[in-house]
Amino acid sequence: MMKSPLLTGRRSGAVCTMTAVFACLMFFCFPVPSIAEPHAKDSLKVEPLDIASYILKDIGRSTVLLEKDPGTRHEPASLTKILTCIIAIESARLNEFVTIPLEATQVEPTKAGFLPGEKIRLLDLVKAAMVKSSNDAAFAIAIHLGGSVQGFAAMMNAKAAELGLSHSCFTNPAGFDRHQYVGHYSTAGDMLRLTEYAIGNQIFNYIAGLDEVSITEKRSGKIYRLKTSNKLLHRYPYAVGIKTGYTFRAGKCLIARAKKGDRDVVLVMLNARLDRWSVAEELFEKAFSLPGSERAPFGQRSHDMRASLILKGNELQ
């Protein structure tokens, strides 16, 4: 159990309640990236899958191929870190060094193992959170950018409202869903929408596809070597990212993306009670085997370049 100060269930609920009040205003006052709505559904037929909620979409054609209860609330576990990391990337502070706070080191695993007082570049914390799914990295990001976990949760919910994630509430940057973090939830549909937004960012795309990273602590030169938790990157040749997740309440979660030819397919699974890797491979193969059709305009392509690879040197290598 984490020793960090409690964000009570009442307070975590209040964060999302307040966010909900502003959601409609933000939806109309802020430009939401043009993410095309699906124009076809259930183009793919498969046997029933023991997954609580899922959605498979050919984002190149803006076509939903398969779905089950995409609007039902579930705990998203570490899929949450997609939102945490896109907020960090868009902060324009990736070159800043973050002093690792004690609170970040006291979270439950998975962790990179950073020590209190160590100085890690914000960019490297994003890599640790996405590649290794490091909870200590996610909390360090949150405290650095939001001043506190609660402050960053408010930032997360504001961003969620801006993007139109109307069935989500975030209480922490890592995806914890027990004790003080009860009330952390999303849907497969919202997670897909978030993913479509995030992959419009080149820095995010680069990091989401890494299978390992080396991170250097500024003062001591200590090197942390972290390997991906996404087994698809090693076993499926067309996989290009995105994120894994698991908690006892959430079950096995996965957002996977694969590209073959002119097809670009994203799969979201929440609470998968089966081998998510094998099922993901099977669904991608079925999607890739579908007859070709004219590519629909895809809004994400219009904001592909909204954040180009601007970091210099070897910081993105």
Protein backbone atom coordinates (compact mmCIF):
# COMPACT_ATOMS: atom_id res chain seq x y z
CA MET A 1 0.00 0.00 0.00
CA MET A 2 1.32 3.47 -0.83
CA LYS A 3 2.36 5.71 2.03
CA SER A 4 1.56 8.90 0.16
CA PRO A 5 -1.05 11.28 1.58
CA LEU A 6 -4.56 10.09 0.95
CA LEU A 7 -6.73 11.43 -1.78
CA THR A 8 -10.02 10.38 -0.24
CA GLY A 9 -12.74 8.73 -2.23
CA ARG A 10 -14.92 11.75 -1.59
CA ARG A 11 -12.29 14.11 -2.90
CA SER A 12 -11.48 11.95 -5.94
CA GLY A 13 -15.17 11.91 -6.76
CA ALA A 14 -15.32 15.67 -6.35
CA VAL A 15 -12.51 16.13 -8.87
CA CYS A 16 -14.53 14.36 -11.53
CA THR A 17 -17.81 15.97 -10.47
CA MET A 18 -16.30 19.42 -10.88
CA THR A 19 -14.78 18.40 -14.17
CA ALA A 20 -18.16 17.17 -15.40
CA VAL A 21 -19.61 20.64 -14.71
CA PHE A 22 -17.07 22.16 -17.06
CA ALA A 23 -17.06 19.34 -19.61
CA CYS A 24 -19.81 20.75 -21.80
CA LEU A 25 -18.34 24.25 -21.72
CA MET A 26 -14.88 22.94 -22.58
CA PHE A 27 -16.26 20.81 -25.38
CA PHE A 28 -17.64 23.91 -27.09
CA CYS A 29 -14.92 26.36 -26.07
CA PHE A 30 -11.86 24.30 -26.97
CA PRO A 31 -11.13 22.87 -30.41
CA VAL A 32 -11.19 19.09 -30.15
CA PRO A 33 -8.95 17.31 -32.67
CA SER A 34 -10.94 16.07 -35.60
CA ILE A 35 -11.27 12.37 -34.94
CA ALA A 36 -13.68 10.98 -37.45
CA GLU A 37 -16.63 9.01 -36.20
CA PRO A 38 -16.92 5.43 -37.44
CA HIS A 39 -18.99 5.04 -40.58
CA ALA A 40 -19.23 1.25 -40.49
CA LYS A 41 -19.45 -1.30 -37.73
CA ASP A 42 -19.03 -5.01 -37.22
CA SER A 43 -17.30 -5.61 -40.55
CA LEU A 44 -15.53 -8.50 -38.82
CA LYS A 45 -17.14 -11.60 -37.37
CA VAL A 46 -15.48 -13.67 -34.63
CA GLU A 47 -16.49 -16.11 -31.94
CA PRO A 48 -17.51 -14.50 -28.61
CA LEU A 49 -14.47 -13.23 -26.72
CA ASP A 50 -14.11 -13.35 -22.94
CA ILE A 51 -13.31 -9.66 -22.70
CA ALA A 52 -15.51 -7.31 -20.70
CA SER A 53 -15.23 -4.48 -23.21
CA TYR A 54 -13.31 -4.01 -26.42
CA ILE A 55 -13.19 -2.13 -29.69
CA LEU A 56 -11.21 -2.78 -32.87
CA LYS A 57 -10.90 0.05 -35.33
CA ASP A 58 -9.19 0.56 -38.66
CA ILE A 59 -8.23 4.15 -37.98
CA GLY A 60 -6.92 4.65 -41.51
CA ARG A 61 -10.47 4.09 -42.79
CA SER A 62 -12.28 5.37 -39.71
CA THR A 63 -14.08 2.05 -39.52
CA VAL A 64 -15.03 0.16 -36.37
CA LEU A 65 -14.53 -3.50 -37.22
CA LEU A 66 -15.64 -5.07 -33.96
CA GLU A 67 -16.85 -3.88 -30.57
CA LYS A 68 -18.43 -4.99 -27.32
CA ASP A 69 -19.84 -2.55 -24.77
CA PRO A 70 -17.47 0.29 -25.72
CA GLY A 71 -19.39 2.74 -23.50
CA THR A 72 -19.37 0.65 -20.31
CA ARG A 73 -17.24 1.91 -17.43
CA HIS A 74 -14.21 -0.13 -16.39
CA GLU A 75 -10.97 0.51 -14.57
CA PRO A 76 -8.30 1.17 -17.25
CA ALA A 77 -5.25 0.33 -15.09
CA SER A 78 -1.99 1.57 -16.65
CA LEU A 79 -3.65 2.54 -19.92
CA THR A 80 -4.11 5.71 -17.87
CA LYS A 81 -0.45 6.52 -18.51
CA ILE A 82 -1.26 7.42 -22.10
CA LEU A 83 -3.04 10.51 -20.79
CA THR A 84 -0.32 11.20 -18.22
CA CYS A 85 2.38 11.05 -20.89
CA ILE A 86 0.62 13.09 -23.55
CA ILE A 87 0.09 15.85 -20.99
CA ALA A 88 3.82 15.73 -20.17
CA ILE A 89 4.80 15.77 -23.84
CA GLU A 90 2.55 18.72 -24.59
CA SER A 91 3.86 20.66 -21.58
CA ALA A 92 6.93 21.74 -23.62
CA ARG A 93 9.04 20.90 -20.54
CA LEU A 94 10.56 17.59 -21.61
CA ASN A 95 14.12 18.85 -21.18
CA GLU A 96 13.56 19.75 -17.52
CA PHE A 97 15.17 17.62 -14.83
CA VAL A 98 12.73 16.32 -12.24
CA THR A 99 13.82 15.76 -8.64
CA ILE A 100 12.23 12.45 -7.70
CA PRO A 101 9.94 13.07 -4.71
CA LEU A 102 9.67 10.63 -1.82
CA GLU A 103 5.97 10.12 -2.54
CA ALA A 104 6.75 8.80 -6.03
CA THR A 105 9.11 6.16 -4.65
CA GLN A 106 6.50 4.81 -2.24
CA VAL A 107 3.98 3.69 -4.84
CA GLU A 108 3.18 0.07 -5.55
CA PRO A 109 5.02 -1.74 -8.39
CA THR A 110 5.65 -1.77 -11.28
CA LYS A 111 8.51 0.67 -10.66
CA ALA A 112 11.73 1.73 -12.33
CA GLY A 113 13.34 1.97 -8.91
CA PHE A 114 14.20 5.66 -8.83
CA LEU A 115 15.45 6.96 -5.48
CA PRO A 116 14.28 10.11 -3.66
CA GLY A 117 16.30 13.13 -4.69
CA GLU A 118 17.56 11.67 -7.95
CA LYS A 119 17.30 13.94 -10.97
CA ILE A 120 15.74 12.41 -14.06
CA ARG A 121 14.83 14.27 -17.23
CA LEU A 122 11.09 14.59 -17.77
CA LEU A 123 11.45 13.00 -21.19
CA ASP A 124 13.01 9.94 -19.58
CA LEU A 125 10.20 9.71 -17.04
CA VAL A 126 7.75 9.61 -19.95
CA LYS A 127 9.77 6.78 -21.49
CA ALA A 128 9.79 4.87 -18.18
CA ALA A 129 6.03 5.31 -17.76
CA MET A 130 5.21 4.19 -21.29
CA VAL A 131 7.80 1.47 -21.88
CA LYS A 132 8.16 -0.15 -18.44
CA SER A 133 4.81 1.14 -17.11
CA SER A 134 6.69 2.57 -14.15
CA ASN A 135 4.34 3.92 -11.50
CA ASP A 136 7.12 5.88 -9.79
CA ALA A 137 7.79 7.68 -13.07
CA ALA A 138 4.10 8.50 -13.52
CA PHE A 139 3.84 9.94 -10.01
CA ALA A 140 7.04 11.95 -10.45
CA ILE A 141 5.61 13.41 -13.66
CA ALA A 142 2.37 14.28 -11.89
CA ILE A 143 3.95 15.99 -8.90
CA HIS A 144 6.39 17.91 -11.10
CA LEU A 145 3.74 19.23 -13.48
CA GLY A 146 0.71 19.41 -11.20
CA GLY A 147 2.31 20.27 -7.86
CA SER A 148 0.60 17.24 -6.33
CA VAL A 149 -1.19 14.08 -7.38
CA GLN A 150 -4.50 15.84 -6.80
CA GLY A 151 -3.42 18.82 -8.86
CA PHE A 152 -2.35 16.63 -11.74
CA ALA A 153 -5.59 14.62 -11.56
CA ALA A 154 -7.42 17.89 -12.13
CA MET A 155 -5.21 18.50 -15.19
CA MET A 156 -6.00 15.01 -16.45
CA ASN A 157 -9.73 15.51 -16.13
CA ALA A 158 -9.54 18.90 -17.79
CA LYS A 159 -7.68 17.35 -20.73
CA ALA A 160 -10.18 14.50 -20.83
CA ALA A 161 -13.04 16.99 -21.02
CA GLU A 162 -11.24 18.90 -23.78
CA LEU A 163 -10.93 15.69 -25.80
CA GLY A 164 -14.53 14.69 -25.22
CA LEU A 165 -13.80 11.71 -22.96
CA SER A 166 -17.21 12.07 -21.39
CA HIS A 167 -17.31 8.70 -19.62
CA SER A 168 -13.99 8.88 -17.79
CA CYS A 169 -12.69 10.05 -14.44
CA PHE A 170 -9.03 10.05 -13.43
CA THR A 171 -7.86 10.20 -9.82
CA ASN A 172 -4.16 9.48 -10.31
CA PRO A 173 -1.52 9.33 -13.06
CA ALA A 174 -0.72 5.60 -12.87
CA GLY A 175 -4.11 3.91 -13.00
CA PHE A 176 -4.51 2.79 -9.37
CA ASP A 177 -8.14 2.04 -8.56
CA ARG A 178 -8.28 1.10 -4.86
CA HIS A 179 -8.27 2.88 -1.50
CA GLN A 180 -7.81 6.63 -1.99
CA TYR A 181 -7.98 6.22 -5.75
CA VAL A 182 -11.39 4.56 -6.02
CA GLY A 183 -13.46 6.25 -8.70
CA HIS A 184 -10.81 5.98 -11.42
CA TYR A 185 -12.55 4.72 -14.56
CA SER A 186 -12.93 5.01 -18.31
CA THR A 187 -14.44 3.13 -21.25
CA ALA A 188 -13.07 1.36 -24.29
CA GLY A 189 -14.56 4.09 -26.46
CA ASP A 190 -12.91 6.87 -24.48
CA MET A 191 -9.59 5.03 -24.44
CA LEU A 192 -9.76 4.66 -28.21
CA ARG A 193 -10.47 8.36 -28.61
CA LEU A 194 -7.54 9.22 -26.34
CA THR A 195 -5.27 6.88 -28.31
CA GLU A 196 -6.29 8.37 -31.64
CA TYR A 197 -5.39 11.77 -30.24
CA ALA A 198 -2.08 10.65 -28.74
CA ILE A 199 -0.80 8.94 -31.88
CA GLY A 200 -1.07 12.25 -33.68
CA ASN A 201 2.02 13.23 -31.69
CA GLN A 202 5.32 12.05 -33.16
CA ILE A 203 7.16 12.02 -29.85
CA PHE A 204 4.44 9.88 -28.29
CA ASN A 205 4.50 7.52 -31.26
CA TYR A 206 8.25 7.10 -31.04
CA ILE A 207 8.20 6.30 -27.33
CA ALA A 208 5.15 4.01 -27.55
CA GLY A 209 7.03 1.77 -29.96
CA LEU A 210 10.25 1.38 -27.94
CA ASP A 211 11.03 -2.06 -26.56
CA GLU A 212 13.67 -0.86 -24.09
CA VAL A 213 15.22 2.37 -22.82
CA SER A 214 18.32 3.46 -20.91
CA ILE A 215 17.88 6.35 -18.49
CA THR A 216 20.76 8.23 -16.89
CA GLU A 217 20.48 9.94 -13.51
CA LYS A 218 21.96 13.44 -13.83
CA ARG A 219 24.29 13.69 -10.82
CA SER A 220 25.60 10.16 -10.33
CA GLY A 221 25.49 8.92 -13.91
CA LYS A 222 23.60 5.82 -12.72
CA ILE A 223 21.90 4.07 -15.60
CA TYR A 224 18.45 2.50 -15.41
CA ARG A 225 17.76 -0.05 -18.13
CA LEU A 226 14.07 -0.75 -18.61
CA LYS A 227 12.34 -3.20 -20.94
CA THR A 228 8.85 -3.05 -22.35
CA SER A 229 5.84 -4.76 -20.82
CA ASN A 230 4.26 -5.01 -24.30
CA LYS A 231 4.94 -8.56 -25.49
CA LEU A 232 3.40 -7.86 -28.88
CA LEU A 233 6.43 -5.81 -29.86
CA HIS A 234 8.51 -8.98 -29.74
CA ARG A 235 6.06 -11.58 -31.01
CA TYR A 236 4.04 -9.79 -33.69
CA PRO A 237 5.94 -8.18 -36.58
CA TYR A 238 3.30 -5.57 -37.39
CA ALA A 239 2.91 -4.25 -33.82
CA VAL A 240 3.94 -0.61 -33.30
CA GLY A 241 2.90 0.06 -29.63
CA ILE A 242 0.89 1.28 -27.50
CA LYS A 243 0.30 0.31 -23.80
CA THR A 244 -0.42 -2.55 -21.42
CA GLY A 245 -2.24 -2.48 -18.09
CA TYR A 246 -3.23 -4.63 -15.15
CA THR A 247 -4.67 -4.31 -11.67
CA PHE A 248 -6.67 -6.84 -9.70
CA ARG A 249 -9.87 -4.87 -10.25
CA ALA A 250 -9.20 -3.89 -13.85
CA GLY A 251 -7.94 -7.27 -14.99
CA LYS A 252 -5.72 -7.54 -18.04
CA CYS A 253 -5.96 -4.48 -20.28
CA LEU A 254 -4.31 -3.64 -23.56
CA ILE A 255 -4.25 -0.97 -26.21
CA ALA A 256 -2.38 -2.30 -29.22
CA ARG A 257 -1.70 -0.84 -32.63
CA ALA A 258 -0.53 -2.67 -35.73
CA LYS A 259 0.20 -1.47 -39.26
CA LYS A 260 0.39 -3.55 -42.42
CA GLY A 261 0.31 -2.12 -45.91
CA ASP A 262 -2.17 0.73 -45.91
CA ARG A 263 -4.04 -0.56 -42.85
CA ASP A 264 -3.57 1.03 -39.43
CA VAL A 265 -5.55 -0.80 -36.74
CA VAL A 266 -6.01 -0.09 -33.04
CA LEU A 267 -7.41 -2.56 -30.51
CA VAL A 268 -8.61 -1.64 -27.01
CA MET A 269 -9.27 -4.39 -24.45
CA LEU A 270 -10.55 -3.84 -20.92
CA ASN A 271 -10.66 -6.74 -18.46
CA ALA A 272 -9.55 -9.48 -20.83
CA ARG A 273 -10.00 -12.92 -19.27
CA LEU A 274 -7.93 -14.71 -21.88
CA ASP A 275 -4.51 -14.55 -23.55
CA ARG A 276 -4.61 -10.96 -24.73
CA TRP A 277 -1.46 -11.32 -26.87
CA SER A 278 -2.75 -14.24 -28.94
CA VAL A 279 -6.19 -12.68 -29.31
CA ALA A 280 -4.67 -9.37 -30.39
CA GLU A 281 -2.61 -11.13 -33.06
CA GLU A 282 -5.65 -13.04 -34.29
CA LEU A 283 -7.82 -9.92 -34.49
CA PHE A 284 -5.15 -7.94 -36.29
CA GLU A 285 -4.68 -10.74 -38.82
CA LYS A 286 -8.42 -10.87 -39.45
CA ALA A 287 -8.50 -7.10 -39.88
CA PHE A 288 -5.60 -7.17 -42.32
CA SER A 289 -7.29 -9.91 -44.35
CA LEU A 290 -10.42 -7.87 -45.02
CA PRO A 291 -10.97 -6.71 -48.61
CA GLY A 292 -9.52 -3.32 -49.35
CA SER A 293 -11.75 -0.29 -49.57
CA GLU A 294 -11.32 3.39 -50.24
CA ARG A 295 -9.59 5.11 -47.37
CA ALA A 296 -11.92 7.44 -45.50
CA PRO A 297 -10.69 10.89 -44.47
CA PHE A 298 -9.19 10.45 -41.05
CA GLY A 299 -9.11 13.52 -38.83
CA GLN A 300 -6.01 12.40 -36.96
CA ARG A 301 -3.99 12.81 -40.13
CA SER A 302 -4.84 16.49 -40.19
CA HIS A 303 -3.02 17.02 -36.90
CA ASP A 304 -0.21 14.52 -37.50
CA MET A 305 2.37 17.28 -37.28
CA ARG A 306 1.05 19.18 -34.28
CA ALA A 307 4.12 18.03 -32.31
CA SER A 308 7.09 17.13 -34.44
CA LEU A 309 10.33 15.57 -33.21
CA ILE A 310 11.96 18.77 -32.04
CA LEU A 311 14.30 17.39 -29.39
CA LYS A 312 17.89 17.42 -30.53
CA GLY A 313 20.89 15.18 -30.05
CA ASN A 314 20.31 11.64 -28.91
CA GLU A 315 17.45 12.34 -26.51
CA LEU A 316 14.94 10.45 -28.63
CA GLN A 317 17.30 7.60 -29.55
